[in-house]
């Protein structure tokens, strides 16, 4: 059995604290937004997929990107994929608007 001394365990916990402090969660919408009609249509199409994963929008509601899982083996990076798609198309930062077919701020299903 491997035993850590107090110096080693303090070092390990310190490294874990530092490394996890570097991870920043993606910014999420905090409520409904005025979406461009094209974005609204994209949101409805995304929500109608069998496995919608993440829907990202620009803060002004004029652009979007989305990810879905085409089969049971998803990559696990669906938030990053949707944000990257949105940011590549719009050349601006995006936020997560919906996840798994539901709005992120109240968990209501996207209709």
Protein backbone atom coordinates (compact mmCIF):
# COMPACT_ATOMS: atom_id res chain seq x y z
CA UNK A 1 0.00 0.00 0.00
CA UNK A 2 1.26 3.48 -0.91
CA UNK A 3 1.28 6.04 1.86
CA UNK A 4 1.70 9.80 1.41
CA UNK A 5 3.55 11.79 4.00
CA UNK A 6 2.16 15.16 5.05
CA UNK A 7 4.47 17.11 2.71
CA UNK A 8 3.56 14.95 -0.30
CA UNK A 9 -0.18 15.10 0.36
CA UNK A 10 -0.03 18.89 0.83
CA UNK A 11 1.84 19.16 -2.45
CA UNK A 12 -0.72 16.96 -4.24
CA UNK A 13 -3.68 18.91 -2.89
CA UNK A 14 -1.97 22.19 -3.77
CA UNK A 15 -1.40 21.06 -7.36
CA UNK A 16 -4.99 19.85 -7.66
CA UNK A 17 -6.25 23.20 -6.35
CA UNK A 18 -4.05 25.16 -8.78
CA UNK A 19 -4.92 23.01 -11.78
CA UNK A 20 -8.66 23.00 -11.16
CA UNK A 21 -8.55 26.76 -10.61
CA UNK A 22 -7.40 27.14 -14.21
CA UNK A 23 -10.53 25.48 -15.57
CA UNK A 24 -13.19 28.05 -16.28
CA UNK A 25 -16.73 26.94 -17.05
CA UNK A 26 -18.30 28.14 -20.26
CA UNK A 27 -20.51 31.21 -19.97
CA UNK A 28 -24.21 30.40 -20.05
CA UNK A 29 -27.30 32.44 -20.78
CA UNK A 30 -29.09 33.57 -17.64
CA UNK A 31 -32.51 34.00 -19.20
CA UNK A 32 -34.43 34.34 -22.44
CA UNK A 33 -32.87 36.44 -25.19
CA UNK A 34 -34.17 38.13 -28.32
CA UNK A 35 -33.04 35.77 -31.04
CA UNK A 36 -32.80 36.57 -34.73
CA UNK A 37 -35.50 34.60 -36.65
CA UNK A 38 -32.77 32.51 -38.33
CA UNK A 39 -31.29 31.65 -34.92
CA UNK A 40 -34.77 30.86 -33.57
CA UNK A 41 -35.32 28.48 -36.50
CA UNK A 42 -31.91 26.87 -35.87
CA UNK A 43 -32.81 26.41 -32.19
CA UNK A 44 -36.06 24.63 -33.10
CA UNK A 45 -34.32 22.39 -35.65
CA UNK A 46 -31.59 21.54 -33.11
CA UNK A 47 -34.16 20.74 -30.40
CA UNK A 48 -36.03 18.41 -32.76
CA UNK A 49 -32.94 16.20 -33.24
CA UNK A 50 -32.95 12.79 -31.57
CA UNK A 51 -29.95 13.76 -29.41
CA UNK A 52 -29.47 17.55 -29.19
CA UNK A 53 -26.40 18.32 -27.10
CA UNK A 54 -25.48 22.03 -26.92
CA UNK A 55 -26.81 25.18 -28.58
CA UNK A 56 -24.64 28.30 -28.39
CA UNK A 57 -25.56 31.85 -29.42
CA UNK A 58 -23.89 35.22 -29.75
CA UNK A 59 -24.76 37.62 -26.91
CA UNK A 60 -26.76 39.75 -29.37
CA UNK A 61 -28.79 36.72 -30.53
CA UNK A 62 -27.77 37.09 -34.18
CA UNK A 63 -25.62 33.98 -34.59
CA UNK A 64 -25.44 30.41 -33.35
CA UNK A 65 -23.65 27.10 -33.40
CA UNK A 66 -24.85 23.70 -32.28
CA UNK A 67 -23.77 20.18 -31.50
CA UNK A 68 -25.67 16.94 -31.37
CA UNK A 69 -24.75 13.34 -30.83
CA UNK A 70 -25.27 11.34 -34.03
CA UNK A 71 -25.13 8.01 -32.15
CA UNK A 72 -24.57 6.62 -28.67
CA UNK A 73 -20.83 7.41 -28.69
CA UNK A 74 -20.56 11.16 -28.16
CA UNK A 75 -17.20 12.88 -27.90
CA UNK A 76 -17.84 14.49 -24.51
CA UNK A 77 -16.84 17.89 -25.93
CA UNK A 78 -20.24 18.97 -27.21
CA UNK A 79 -20.16 22.34 -25.43
CA UNK A 80 -16.78 23.17 -26.96
CA UNK A 81 -17.97 22.00 -30.39
CA UNK A 82 -21.08 24.23 -30.30
CA UNK A 83 -19.13 27.24 -29.05
CA UNK A 84 -16.40 26.74 -31.65
CA UNK A 85 -19.01 26.41 -34.42
CA UNK A 86 -20.74 29.61 -33.30
CA UNK A 87 -17.49 31.56 -32.90
CA UNK A 88 -16.11 30.40 -36.27
CA UNK A 89 -19.26 31.55 -38.09
CA UNK A 90 -19.72 34.84 -36.24
CA UNK A 91 -16.14 35.84 -35.34
CA UNK A 92 -17.30 36.75 -31.83
CA UNK A 93 -17.54 35.02 -28.45
CA UNK A 94 -20.64 32.92 -27.85
CA UNK A 95 -22.52 31.63 -24.82
CA UNK A 96 -24.39 28.41 -24.14
CA UNK A 97 -28.12 28.89 -24.58
CA UNK A 98 -29.48 25.36 -24.32
CA UNK A 99 -28.24 21.88 -23.48
CA UNK A 100 -29.79 18.46 -24.11
CA UNK A 101 -32.92 20.06 -25.58
CA UNK A 102 -33.49 22.31 -22.57
CA UNK A 103 -32.79 25.95 -21.75
CA UNK A 104 -29.81 26.28 -19.40
CA UNK A 105 -31.36 28.82 -17.02
CA UNK A 106 -34.59 27.00 -16.10
CA UNK A 107 -34.30 23.47 -17.55
CA UNK A 108 -37.52 23.92 -19.54
CA UNK A 109 -37.74 21.93 -22.76
CA UNK A 110 -37.16 23.87 -25.97
CA UNK A 111 -40.42 23.61 -27.94
